[in-house]
């Protein structure tokens, strides 16, 4: 939302109404949605970085060992810190503040 508002202020092209393609799982996108997503990602580096980090975070749910999950969170949070994107920084801060709870959730779900 912030990037869309910023682009509108500066009269830069933005693909309105296409941001929901960012939230969908990449494998669920139809060809025309994939094209619209790529168009949006090509327009804005911050949106592109956020999308890549969103897709990377999906790996979190596939780890089976607690130590691997902990290492993944450290790695992923490091990437977020490099982007300096405020919404992702807030999310990563929340994750790191609740790491123990997240690890316990995975432990009890059989992972």
PDB file of N, CA and C in Angstrom:
ATOM      1  N   UNK A   1       0.830  -1.201   0.000  1.00  0.00           N
ATOM      2  CA  UNK A   1       0.000   0.000   0.000  1.00  0.00           C
ATOM      3  C   UNK A   1       0.865   1.252   0.000  1.00  0.00           C
ATOM      4  N   UNK A   2       1.913   1.220   0.834  1.00  0.00           N
ATOM      5  CA  UNK A   2       2.786   2.386   0.916  1.00  0.00           C
ATOM      6  C   UNK A   2       3.446   2.674  -0.429  1.00  0.00           C
ATOM      7  N   UNK A   3       3.873   1.643  -1.103  1.00  0.00           N
ATOM      8  CA  UNK A   3       4.544   1.830  -2.388  1.00  0.00           C
ATOM      9  C   UNK A   3       3.573   2.333  -3.451  1.00  0.00           C
ATOM     10  N   UNK A   4       2.340   1.863  -3.413  1.00  0.00           N
ATOM     11  CA  UNK A   4       1.330   2.346  -4.357  1.00  0.00           C
ATOM     12  C   UNK A   4       1.059   3.828  -4.122  1.00  0.00           C
ATOM     13  N   UNK A   5       0.885   4.207  -2.866  1.00  0.00           N
ATOM     14  CA  UNK A   5       0.631   5.614  -2.534  1.00  0.00           C
ATOM     15  C   UNK A   5       1.822   6.479  -2.941  1.00  0.00           C
ATOM     16  N   UNK A   6       3.013   5.989  -2.680  1.00  0.00           N
ATOM     17  CA  UNK A   6       4.230   6.724  -3.030  1.00  0.00           C
ATOM     18  C   UNK A   6       4.316   6.921  -4.548  1.00  0.00           C
ATOM     19  N   UNK A   7       4.015   5.861  -5.309  1.00  0.00           N
ATOM     20  CA  UNK A   7       4.070   5.950  -6.768  1.00  0.00           C
ATOM     21  C   UNK A   7       3.022   6.919  -7.296  1.00  0.00           C
ATOM     22  N   UNK A   8       1.844   6.918  -6.696  1.00  0.00           N
ATOM     23  CA  UNK A   8       0.792   7.832  -7.139  1.00  0.00           C
ATOM     24  C   UNK A   8       1.185   9.286  -6.887  1.00  0.00           C
ATOM     25  N   UNK A   9       1.834   9.553  -5.742  1.00  0.00           N
ATOM     26  CA  UNK A   9       2.280  10.918  -5.433  1.00  0.00           C
ATOM     27  C   UNK A   9       3.263  11.421  -6.472  1.00  0.00           C
ATOM     28  N   UNK A  10       4.137  10.532  -6.914  1.00  0.00           N
ATOM     29  CA  UNK A  10       5.174  10.921  -7.865  1.00  0.00           C
ATOM     30  C   UNK A  10       4.751  10.719  -9.320  1.00  0.00           C
ATOM     31  N   UNK A  11       3.480  10.413  -9.520  1.00  0.00           N
ATOM     32  CA  UNK A  11       2.939  10.176 -10.862  1.00  0.00           C
ATOM     33  C   UNK A  11       3.705   9.106 -11.632  1.00  0.00           C
ATOM     34  N   UNK A  12       4.175   8.093 -10.906  1.00  0.00           N
ATOM     35  CA  UNK A  12       4.840   6.966 -11.549  1.00  0.00           C
ATOM     36  C   UNK A  12       3.790   5.924 -11.903  1.00  0.00           C
ATOM     37  N   UNK A  13       4.065   5.147 -12.938  1.00  0.00           N
ATOM     38  CA  UNK A  13       3.079   4.120 -13.299  1.00  0.00           C
ATOM     39  C   UNK A  13       2.994   3.050 -12.211  1.00  0.00           C
ATOM     40  N   UNK A  14       1.806   2.644 -11.919  1.00  0.00           N
ATOM     41  CA  UNK A  14       1.575   1.570 -10.953  1.00  0.00           C
ATOM     42  C   UNK A  14       0.373   0.781 -11.463  1.00  0.00           C
ATOM     43  N   UNK A  15       0.395  -0.473 -11.259  1.00  0.00           N
ATOM     44  CA  UNK A  15      -0.691  -1.313 -11.735  1.00  0.00           C
ATOM     45  C   UNK A  15      -1.714  -1.425 -10.624  1.00  0.00           C
ATOM     46  N   UNK A  16      -2.733  -0.566 -10.713  1.00  0.00           N
ATOM     47  CA  UNK A  16      -3.761  -0.536  -9.676  1.00  0.00           C
ATOM     48  C   UNK A  16      -4.572  -1.824  -9.683  1.00  0.00           C
ATOM     49  N   UNK A  17      -4.907  -2.286  -8.487  1.00  0.00           N
ATOM     50  CA  UNK A  17      -5.747  -3.469  -8.359  1.00  0.00           C
ATOM     51  C   UNK A  17      -5.029  -4.775  -8.629  1.00  0.00           C
ATOM     52  N   UNK A  18      -3.738  -4.723  -8.838  1.00  0.00           N
ATOM     53  CA  UNK A  18      -2.979  -5.929  -9.164  1.00  0.00           C
ATOM     54  C   UNK A  18      -2.171  -6.452  -7.980  1.00  0.00           C
ATOM     55  N   UNK A  19      -2.186  -5.709  -6.900  1.00  0.00           N
ATOM     56  CA  UNK A  19      -1.330  -6.085  -5.770  1.00  0.00           C
ATOM     57  C   UNK A  19      -1.766  -7.383  -5.099  1.00  0.00           C
ATOM     58  N   UNK A  20      -3.019  -7.770  -5.296  1.00  0.00           N
ATOM     59  CA  UNK A  20      -3.471  -9.006  -4.664  1.00  0.00           C
ATOM     60  C   UNK A  20      -2.786 -10.227  -5.269  1.00  0.00           C
ATOM     61  N   UNK A  21      -2.237 -10.077  -6.460  1.00  0.00           N
ATOM     62  CA  UNK A  21      -1.458 -11.167  -7.044  1.00  0.00           C
ATOM     63  C   UNK A  21      -0.195 -11.429  -6.235  1.00  0.00           C
ATOM     64  N   UNK A  22       0.276 -10.415  -5.522  1.00  0.00           N
ATOM     65  CA  UNK A  22       1.456 -10.580  -4.672  1.00  0.00           C
ATOM     66  C   UNK A  22       1.137 -11.515  -3.519  1.00  0.00           C
ATOM     67  N   UNK A  23      -0.091 -11.446  -3.029  1.00  0.00           N
ATOM     68  CA  UNK A  23      -0.471 -12.235  -1.861  1.00  0.00           C
ATOM     69  C   UNK A  23      -0.774 -13.697  -2.193  1.00  0.00           C
ATOM     70  N   UNK A  24      -1.089 -13.972  -3.422  1.00  0.00           N
ATOM     71  CA  UNK A  24      -1.401 -15.347  -3.822  1.00  0.00           C
ATOM     72  C   UNK A  24      -0.129 -16.183  -3.884  1.00  0.00           C
ATOM     73  N   UNK A  25      -0.283 -17.478  -3.656  1.00  0.00           N
ATOM     74  CA  UNK A  25       0.844 -18.385  -3.855  1.00  0.00           C
ATOM     75  C   UNK A  25       1.175 -18.419  -5.343  1.00  0.00           C
ATOM     76  N   UNK A  26       2.443 -18.372  -5.656  1.00  0.00           N
ATOM     77  CA  UNK A  26       2.867 -18.257  -7.051  1.00  0.00           C
ATOM     78  C   UNK A  26       2.329 -19.386  -7.923  1.00  0.00           C
ATOM     79  N   UNK A  27       2.220 -20.578  -7.364  1.00  0.00           N
ATOM     80  CA  UNK A  27       1.735 -21.706  -8.168  1.00  0.00           C
ATOM     81  C   UNK A  27       0.235 -21.633  -8.457  1.00  0.00           C
ATOM     82  N   UNK A  28      -0.486 -20.761  -7.764  1.00  0.00           N
ATOM     83  CA  UNK A  28      -1.923 -20.615  -7.971  1.00  0.00           C
ATOM     84  C   UNK A  28      -2.289 -19.495  -8.946  1.00  0.00           C
ATOM     85  N   UNK A  29      -1.311 -18.813  -9.468  1.00  0.00           N
ATOM     86  CA  UNK A  29      -1.578 -17.703 -10.386  1.00  0.00           C
ATOM     87  C   UNK A  29      -1.922 -18.220 -11.777  1.00  0.00           C
ATOM     88  N   UNK A  30      -2.917 -17.605 -12.374  1.00  0.00           N
ATOM     89  CA  UNK A  30      -3.260 -17.884 -13.769  1.00  0.00           C
ATOM     90  C   UNK A  30      -2.251 -17.141 -14.632  1.00  0.00           C
ATOM     91  N   UNK A  31      -2.104 -17.537 -15.889  1.00  0.00           N
ATOM     92  CA  UNK A  31      -1.111 -16.870 -16.758  1.00  0.00           C
ATOM     93  C   UNK A  31      -1.263 -15.354 -16.816  1.00  0.00           C
ATOM     94  N   UNK A  32      -2.507 -14.864 -16.911  1.00  0.00           N
ATOM     95  CA  UNK A  32      -2.683 -13.406 -16.982  1.00  0.00           C
ATOM     96  C   UNK A  32      -2.343 -12.736 -15.650  1.00  0.00           C
ATOM     97  N   UNK A  33      -2.595 -13.422 -14.541  1.00  0.00           N
ATOM     98  CA  UNK A  33      -2.225 -12.883 -13.229  1.00  0.00           C
ATOM     99  C   UNK A  33      -0.713 -12.869 -13.076  1.00  0.00           C
ATOM    100  N   UNK A  34      -0.065 -13.889 -13.593  1.00  0.00           N
ATOM    101  CA  UNK A  34       1.400 -13.960 -13.539  1.00  0.00           C
ATOM    102  C   UNK A  34       2.015 -12.789 -14.318  1.00  0.00           C
ATOM    103  N   UNK A  35       1.434 -12.471 -15.469  1.00  0.00           N
ATOM    104  CA  UNK A  35       1.915 -11.337 -16.264  1.00  0.00           C
ATOM    105  C   UNK A  35       1.738 -10.018 -15.515  1.00  0.00           C
ATOM    106  N   UNK A  36       0.556  -9.834 -14.908  1.00  0.00           N
ATOM    107  CA  UNK A  36       0.291  -8.606 -14.157  1.00  0.00           C
ATOM    108  C   UNK A  36       1.230  -8.493 -12.961  1.00  0.00           C
ATOM    109  N   UNK A  37       1.495  -9.623 -12.310  1.00  0.00           N
ATOM    110  CA  UNK A  37       2.421  -9.623 -11.178  1.00  0.00           C
ATOM    111  C   UNK A  37       3.811  -9.219 -11.643  1.00  0.00           C
ATOM    112  N   UNK A  38       4.266  -9.810 -12.723  1.00  0.00           N
ATOM    113  CA  UNK A  38       5.601  -9.489 -13.231  1.00  0.00           C
ATOM    114  C   UNK A  38       5.700  -8.017 -13.598  1.00  0.00           C
ATOM    115  N   UNK A  39       4.638  -7.477 -14.176  1.00  0.00           N
ATOM    116  CA  UNK A  39       4.594  -6.050 -14.522  1.00  0.00           C
ATOM    117  C   UNK A  39       4.775  -5.194 -13.267  1.00  0.00           C
ATOM    118  N   UNK A  40       4.072  -5.554 -12.207  1.00  0.00           N
ATOM    119  CA  UNK A  40       4.160  -4.816 -10.950  1.00  0.00           C
ATOM    120  C   UNK A  40       5.546  -4.948 -10.339  1.00  0.00           C
ATOM    121  N   UNK A  41       6.111  -6.151 -10.353  1.00  0.00           N
ATOM    122  CA  UNK A  41       7.437  -6.368  -9.782  1.00  0.00           C
ATOM    123  C   UNK A  41       8.512  -5.605 -10.552  1.00  0.00           C
ATOM    124  N   UNK A  42       8.323  -5.494 -11.858  1.00  0.00           N
ATOM    125  CA  UNK A  42       9.293  -4.761 -12.685  1.00  0.00           C
ATOM    126  C   UNK A  42       9.254  -3.259 -12.428  1.00  0.00           C
ATOM    127  N   UNK A  43       8.117  -2.757 -11.946  1.00  0.00           N
ATOM    128  CA  UNK A  43       7.965  -1.325 -11.719  1.00  0.00           C
ATOM    129  C   UNK A  43       8.612  -0.832 -10.431  1.00  0.00           C
ATOM    130  N   UNK A  44       8.762  -1.712  -9.444  1.00  0.00           N
ATOM    131  CA  UNK A  44       9.143  -1.237  -8.124  1.00  0.00           C
ATOM    132  C   UNK A  44      10.066  -2.227  -7.415  1.00  0.00           C
ATOM    133  N   UNK A  45      11.247  -1.783  -7.074  1.00  0.00           N
ATOM    134  CA  UNK A  45      12.236  -2.639  -6.422  1.00  0.00           C
ATOM    135  C   UNK A  45      11.783  -3.081  -5.034  1.00  0.00           C
ATOM    136  N   UNK A  46      11.181  -2.179  -4.271  1.00  0.00           N
ATOM    137  CA  UNK A  46      10.730  -2.554  -2.924  1.00  0.00           C
ATOM    138  C   UNK A  46       9.653  -3.628  -2.974  1.00  0.00           C
ATOM    139  N   UNK A  47       8.715  -3.479  -3.904  1.00  0.00           N
ATOM    140  CA  UNK A  47       7.670  -4.496  -4.041  1.00  0.00           C
ATOM    141  C   UNK A  47       8.289  -5.816  -4.471  1.00  0.00           C
ATOM    142  N   UNK A  48       9.239  -5.745  -5.379  1.00  0.00           N
ATOM    143  CA  UNK A  48       9.924  -6.946  -5.847  1.00  0.00           C
ATOM    144  C   UNK A  48      10.640  -7.651  -4.691  1.00  0.00           C
ATOM    145  N   UNK A  49      11.370  -6.890  -3.884  1.00  0.00           N
ATOM    146  CA  UNK A  49      12.078  -7.467  -2.736  1.00  0.00           C
ATOM    147  C   UNK A  49      11.111  -8.074  -1.724  1.00  0.00           C
ATOM    148  N   UNK A  50      10.019  -7.382  -1.464  1.00  0.00           N
ATOM    149  CA  UNK A  50       9.037  -7.897  -0.511  1.00  0.00           C
ATOM    150  C   UNK A  50       8.430  -9.202  -1.018  1.00  0.00           C
ATOM    151  N   UNK A  51       8.162  -9.275  -2.317  1.00  0.00           N
ATOM    152  CA  UNK A  51       7.590 -10.484  -2.895  1.00  0.00           C
ATOM    153  C   UNK A  51       8.561 -11.660  -2.768  1.00  0.00           C
ATOM    154  N   UNK A  52       9.814 -11.426  -3.065  1.00  0.00           N
ATOM    155  CA  UNK A  52      10.817 -12.489  -2.958  1.00  0.00           C
ATOM    156  C   UNK A  52      10.915 -12.982  -1.515  1.00  0.00           C
ATOM    157  N   UNK A  53      10.894 -12.060  -0.562  1.00  0.00           N
ATOM    158  CA  UNK A  53      10.960 -12.451   0.841  1.00  0.00           C
ATOM    159  C   UNK A  53       9.699 -13.196   1.279  1.00  0.00           C
ATOM    160  N   UNK A  54       8.554 -12.791   0.753  1.00  0.00           N
ATOM    161  CA  UNK A  54       7.308 -13.502   1.063  1.00  0.00           C
ATOM    162  C   UNK A  54       7.380 -14.937   0.565  1.00  0.00           C
ATOM    163  N   UNK A  55       7.847 -15.103  -0.653  1.00  0.00           N
ATOM    164  CA  UNK A  55       7.972 -16.447  -1.222  1.00  0.00           C
ATOM    165  C   UNK A  55       9.006 -17.270  -0.455  1.00  0.00           C
ATOM    166  N   UNK A  56      10.095 -16.657  -0.077  1.00  0.00           N
ATOM    167  CA  UNK A  56      11.125 -17.367   0.680  1.00  0.00           C
ATOM    168  C   UNK A  56      10.607 -17.808   2.042  1.00  0.00           C
ATOM    169  N   UNK A  57       9.785 -16.974   2.665  1.00  0.00           N
ATOM    170  CA  UNK A  57       9.278 -17.314   3.999  1.00  0.00           C
ATOM    171  C   UNK A  57       8.384 -18.547   3.968  1.00  0.00           C
ATOM    172  N   UNK A  58       7.789 -18.842   2.845  1.00  0.00           N
ATOM    173  CA  UNK A  58       6.946 -20.027   2.746  1.00  0.00           C
ATOM    174  C   UNK A  58       7.720 -21.298   3.079  1.00  0.00           C
ATOM    175  N   UNK A  59       9.035 -21.287   2.900  1.00  0.00           N
ATOM    176  CA  UNK A  59       9.865 -22.449   3.236  1.00  0.00           C
ATOM    177  C   UNK A  59       9.813 -22.773   4.723  1.00  0.00           C
ATOM    178  N   UNK A  60       9.535 -21.768   5.529  1.00  0.00           N
ATOM    179  CA  UNK A  60       9.467 -21.940   6.989  1.00  0.00           C
ATOM    180  C   UNK A  60       8.613 -23.139   7.373  1.00  0.00           C
ATOM    181  N   UNK A  61       7.488 -23.320   6.696  1.00  0.00           N
ATOM    182  CA  UNK A  61       6.519 -24.356   7.068  1.00  0.00           C
ATOM    183  C   UNK A  61       6.940 -25.752   6.651  1.00  0.00           C
ATOM    184  N   UNK A  62       8.015 -25.875   5.879  1.00  0.00           N
ATOM    185  CA  UNK A  62       8.448 -27.181   5.401  1.00  0.00           C
ATOM    186  C   UNK A  62       9.588 -27.792   6.209  1.00  0.00           C
ATOM    187  N   UNK A  63      10.186 -27.027   7.090  1.00  0.00           N
ATOM    188  CA  UNK A  63      11.279 -27.571   7.889  1.00  0.00           C
ATOM    189  C   UNK A  63      10.751 -28.569   8.907  1.00  0.00           C
ATOM    190  N   UNK A  64      11.548 -29.606   9.169  1.00  0.00           N
ATOM    191  CA  UNK A  64      11.133 -30.648  10.098  1.00  0.00           C
ATOM    192  C   UNK A  64      11.924 -30.619  11.412  1.00  0.00           C
ATOM    193  N   UNK A  65      13.028 -29.937  11.409  1.00  0.00           N
ATOM    194  CA  UNK A  65      13.871 -29.928  12.596  1.00  0.00           C
ATOM    195  C   UNK A  65      13.955 -28.520  13.176  1.00  0.00           C
ATOM    196  N   UNK A  66      13.812 -28.450  14.488  1.00  0.00           N
ATOM    197  CA  UNK A  66      13.761 -27.172  15.186  1.00  0.00           C
ATOM    198  C   UNK A  66      14.993 -26.319  14.910  1.00  0.00           C
ATOM    199  N   UNK A  67      16.164 -26.924  14.932  1.00  0.00           N
ATOM    200  CA  UNK A  67      17.403 -26.172  14.700  1.00  0.00           C
ATOM    201  C   UNK A  67      17.408 -25.561  13.301  1.00  0.00           C
ATOM    202  N   UNK A  68      16.905 -26.304  12.325  1.00  0.00           N
ATOM    203  CA  UNK A  68      16.828 -25.780  10.956  1.00  0.00           C
ATOM    204  C   UNK A  68      15.873 -24.597  10.876  1.00  0.00           C
ATOM    205  N   UNK A  69      14.756 -24.686  11.595  1.00  0.00           N
ATOM    206  CA  UNK A  69      13.793 -23.585  11.619  1.00  0.00           C
ATOM    207  C   UNK A  69      14.437 -22.348  12.231  1.00  0.00           C
ATOM    208  N   UNK A  70      15.136 -22.543  13.335  1.00  0.00           N
ATOM    209  CA  UNK A  70      15.791 -21.414  14.002  1.00  0.00           C
ATOM    210  C   UNK A  70      16.823 -20.773  13.067  1.00  0.00           C
ATOM    211  N   UNK A  71      17.613 -21.598  12.390  1.00  0.00           N
ATOM    212  CA  UNK A  71      18.606 -21.071  11.444  1.00  0.00           C
ATOM    213  C   UNK A  71      17.936 -20.349  10.285  1.00  0.00           C
ATOM    214  N   UNK A  72      16.824 -20.895   9.810  1.00  0.00           N
ATOM    215  CA  UNK A  72      16.087 -20.252   8.726  1.00  0.00           C
ATOM    216  C   UNK A  72      15.601 -18.874   9.151  1.00  0.00           C
ATOM    217  N   UNK A  73      15.027 -18.777  10.359  1.00  0.00           N
ATOM    218  CA  UNK A  73      14.520 -17.485  10.841  1.00  0.00           C
ATOM    219  C   UNK A  73      15.633 -16.448  10.931  1.00  0.00           C
ATOM    220  N   UNK A  74      16.796 -16.869  11.382  1.00  0.00           N
ATOM    221  CA  UNK A  74      17.935 -15.950  11.457  1.00  0.00           C
ATOM    222  C   UNK A  74      18.334 -15.492  10.052  1.00  0.00           C
ATOM    223  N   UNK A  75      18.417 -16.433   9.123  1.00  0.00           N
ATOM    224  CA  UNK A  75      18.772 -16.118   7.730  1.00  0.00           C
ATOM    225  C   UNK A  75      17.756 -15.166   7.118  1.00  0.00           C
ATOM    226  N   UNK A  76      16.474 -15.505   7.252  1.00  0.00           N
ATOM    227  CA  UNK A  76      15.414 -14.712   6.624  1.00  0.00           C
ATOM    228  C   UNK A  76      15.358 -13.310   7.229  1.00  0.00           C
ATOM    229  N   UNK A  77      15.494 -13.220   8.537  1.00  0.00           N
ATOM    230  CA  UNK A  77      15.482 -11.922   9.205  1.00  0.00           C
ATOM    231  C   UNK A  77      16.663 -11.069   8.748  1.00  0.00           C
ATOM    232  N   UNK A  78      17.800 -11.683   8.526  1.00  0.00           N
ATOM    233  CA  UNK A  78      18.958 -10.959   7.996  1.00  0.00           C
ATOM    234  C   UNK A  78      18.665 -10.342   6.634  1.00  0.00           C
ATOM    235  N   UNK A  79      17.972 -11.095   5.784  1.00  0.00           N
ATOM    236  CA  UNK A  79      17.590 -10.563   4.475  1.00  0.00           C
ATOM    237  C   UNK A  79      16.646  -9.379   4.628  1.00  0.00           C
ATOM    238  N   UNK A  80      15.698  -9.498   5.555  1.00  0.00           N
ATOM    239  CA  UNK A  80      14.748  -8.406   5.797  1.00  0.00           C
ATOM    240  C   UNK A  80      15.490  -7.161   6.260  1.00  0.00           C
ATOM    241  N   UNK A  81      16.449  -7.338   7.147  1.00  0.00           N
ATOM    242  CA  UNK A  81      17.214  -6.194   7.643  1.00  0.00           C
ATOM    243  C   UNK A  81      17.929  -5.473   6.506  1.00  0.00           C
ATOM    244  N   UNK A  82      18.408  -6.227   5.520  1.00  0.00           N
ATOM    245  CA  UNK A  82      19.092  -5.614   4.386  1.00  0.00           C
ATOM    246  C   UNK A  82      18.155  -4.757   3.537  1.00  0.00           C
ATOM    247  N   UNK A  83      16.883  -5.146   3.448  1.00  0.00           N
ATOM    248  CA  UNK A  83      15.936  -4.390   2.611  1.00  0.00           C
ATOM    249  C   UNK A  83      15.523  -3.081   3.261  1.00  0.00           C
ATOM    250  N   UNK A  84      15.506  -3.053   4.586  1.00  0.00           N
ATOM    251  CA  UNK A  84      15.080  -1.874   5.349  1.00  0.00           C
ATOM    252  C   UNK A  84      13.626  -1.486   5.073  1.00  0.00           C
ATOM    253  N   UNK A  85      12.812  -2.436   4.660  1.00  0.00           N
ATOM    254  CA  UNK A  85      11.393  -2.175   4.411  1.00  0.00           C
ATOM    255  C   UNK A  85      10.641  -2.248   5.731  1.00  0.00           C
ATOM    256  N   UNK A  86      10.036  -1.136   6.125  1.00  0.00           N
ATOM    257  CA  UNK A  86       9.411  -1.028   7.449  1.00  0.00           C
ATOM    258  C   UNK A  86       8.368  -2.104   7.747  1.00  0.00           C
ATOM    259  N   UNK A  87       7.441  -2.407   6.841  1.00  0.00           N
ATOM    260  CA  UNK A  87       6.450  -3.446   7.169  1.00  0.00           C
ATOM    261  C   UNK A  87       7.093  -4.810   7.406  1.00  0.00           C
ATOM    262  N   UNK A  88       8.104  -5.131   6.618  1.00  0.00           N
ATOM    263  CA  UNK A  88       8.791  -6.405   6.810  1.00  0.00           C
ATOM    264  C   UNK A  88       9.629  -6.401   8.076  1.00  0.00           C
ATOM    265  N   UNK A  89      10.212  -5.260   8.397  1.00  0.00           N
ATOM    266  CA  UNK A  89      10.976  -5.156   9.641  1.00  0.00           C
ATOM    267  C   UNK A  89      10.076  -5.378  10.859  1.00  0.00           C
ATOM    268  N   UNK A  90       8.860  -4.815  10.811  1.00  0.00           N
ATOM    269  CA  UNK A  90       7.905  -5.028  11.909  1.00  0.00           C
ATOM    270  C   UNK A  90       7.545  -6.513  12.025  1.00  0.00           C
ATOM    271  N   UNK A  91       7.297  -7.142  10.889  1.00  0.00           N
ATOM    272  CA  UNK A  91       6.951  -8.556  10.879  1.00  0.00           C
ATOM    273  C   UNK A  91       8.110  -9.398  11.426  1.00  0.00           C
ATOM    274  N   UNK A  92       9.315  -9.135  10.946  1.00  0.00           N
ATOM    275  CA  UNK A  92      10.492  -9.892  11.387  1.00  0.00           C
ATOM    276  C   UNK A  92      10.765  -9.682  12.873  1.00  0.00           C
ATOM    277  N   UNK A  93      10.578  -8.463  13.352  1.00  0.00           N
ATOM    278  CA  UNK A  93      10.762  -8.177  14.778  1.00  0.00           C
ATOM    279  C   UNK A  93       9.772  -8.991  15.604  1.00  0.00           C
ATOM    280  N   UNK A  94       8.540  -9.057  15.140  1.00  0.00           N
ATOM    281  CA  UNK A  94       7.531  -9.862  15.827  1.00  0.00           C
ATOM    282  C   UNK A  94       7.895 -11.332  15.829  1.00  0.00           C
ATOM    283  N   UNK A  95       8.411 -11.810  14.704  1.00  0.00           N
ATOM    284  CA  UNK A  95       8.828 -13.216  14.627  1.00  0.00           C
ATOM    285  C   UNK A  95       9.940 -13.511  15.620  1.00  0.00           C
ATOM    286  N   UNK A  96      10.938 -12.643  15.621  1.00  0.00           N
ATOM    287  CA  UNK A  96      12.084 -12.886  16.498  1.00  0.00           C
ATOM    288  C   UNK A  96      11.676 -12.770  17.964  1.00  0.00           C
ATOM    289  N   UNK A  97      10.701 -11.925  18.244  1.00  0.00           N
ATOM    290  CA  UNK A  97      10.218 -11.807  19.617  1.00  0.00           C
ATOM    291  C   UNK A  97       9.403 -13.011  20.055  1.00  0.00           C
ATOM    292  N   UNK A  98       8.906 -13.770  19.081  1.00  0.00           N
ATOM    293  CA  UNK A  98       8.082 -14.940  19.393  1.00  0.00           C
ATOM    294  C   UNK A  98       8.692 -16.236  18.872  1.00  0.00           C
ATOM    295  N   UNK A  99       9.991 -16.262  18.714  1.00  0.00           N
ATOM    296  CA  UNK A  99      10.653 -17.443  18.160  1.00  0.00           C
ATOM    297  C   UNK A  99      10.360 -18.686  18.981  1.00  0.00           C
ATOM    298  N   UNK A 100      10.436 -18.574  20.279  1.00  0.00           N
ATOM    299  CA  UNK A 100      10.194 -19.742  21.124  1.00  0.00           C
ATOM    300  C   UNK A 100       8.778 -20.286  20.904  1.00  0.00           C
ATOM    301  N   UNK A 101       7.793 -19.400  20.830  1.00  0.00           N
ATOM    302  CA  UNK A 101       6.409 -19.834  20.594  1.00  0.00           C
ATOM    303  C   UNK A 101       6.277 -20.495  19.230  1.00  0.00           C
ATOM    304  N   UNK A 102       6.914 -19.922  18.205  1.00  0.00           N
ATOM    305  CA  UNK A 102       6.863 -20.516  16.869  1.00  0.00           C
ATOM    306  C   UNK A 102       7.484 -21.912  16.867  1.00  0.00           C
ATOM    307  N   UNK A 103       8.613 -22.041  17.517  1.00  0.00           N
ATOM    308  CA  UNK A 103       9.273 -23.347  17.561  1.00  0.00           C
ATOM    309  C   UNK A 103       8.419 -24.374  18.293  1.00  0.00           C
ATOM    310  N   UNK A 104       7.743 -23.940  19.348  1.00  0.00           N
ATOM    311  CA  UNK A 104       6.859 -24.845  20.075  1.00  0.00           C
ATOM    312  C   UNK A 104       5.661 -25.266  19.215  1.00  0.00           C
ATOM    313  N   UNK A 105       5.137 -24.351  18.439  1.00  0.00           N
ATOM    314  CA  UNK A 105       4.025 -24.686  17.548  1.00  0.00           C
ATOM    315  C   UNK A 105       4.452 -25.777  16.584  1.00  0.00           C
ATOM    316  N   UNK A 106       5.626 -25.599  15.994  1.00  0.00           N
ATOM    317  CA  UNK A 106       6.109 -26.593  15.045  1.00  0.00           C
ATOM    318  C   UNK A 106       6.379 -27.926  15.726  1.00  0.00           C
ATOM    319  N   UNK A 107       6.882 -27.883  16.953  1.00  0.00           N
ATOM    320  CA  UNK A 107       7.163 -29.106  17.698  1.00  0.00           C
ATOM    321  C   UNK A 107       5.879 -29.898  17.941  1.00  0.00           C
ATOM    322  N   UNK A 108       4.802 -29.183  18.296  1.00  0.00           N
ATOM    323  CA  UNK A 108       3.553 -29.859  18.636  1.00  0.00           C
ATOM    324  C   UNK A 108       2.758 -30.282  17.400  1.00  0.00           C
ATOM    325  N   UNK A 109       3.082 -29.719  16.248  1.00  0.00           N
ATOM    326  CA  UNK A 109       2.365 -30.134  15.039  1.00  0.00           C
ATOM    327  C   UNK A 109       3.089 -31.274  14.339  1.00  0.00           C
ATOM    328  N   UNK A 110       4.060 -31.851  15.005  1.00  0.00           N
ATOM    329  CA  UNK A 110       4.745 -32.993  14.446  1.00  0.00           C
ATOM    330  C   UNK A 110       5.945 -32.643  13.597  1.00  0.00           C
ATOM    331  N   UNK A 111       6.291 -31.390  13.552  1.00  0.00           N
ATOM    332  CA  UNK A 111       7.454 -31.002  12.768  1.00  0.00           C
ATOM    333  C   UNK A 111       8.611 -30.973  13.702  1.00  0.00           C
TER     334      UNK A 111
END
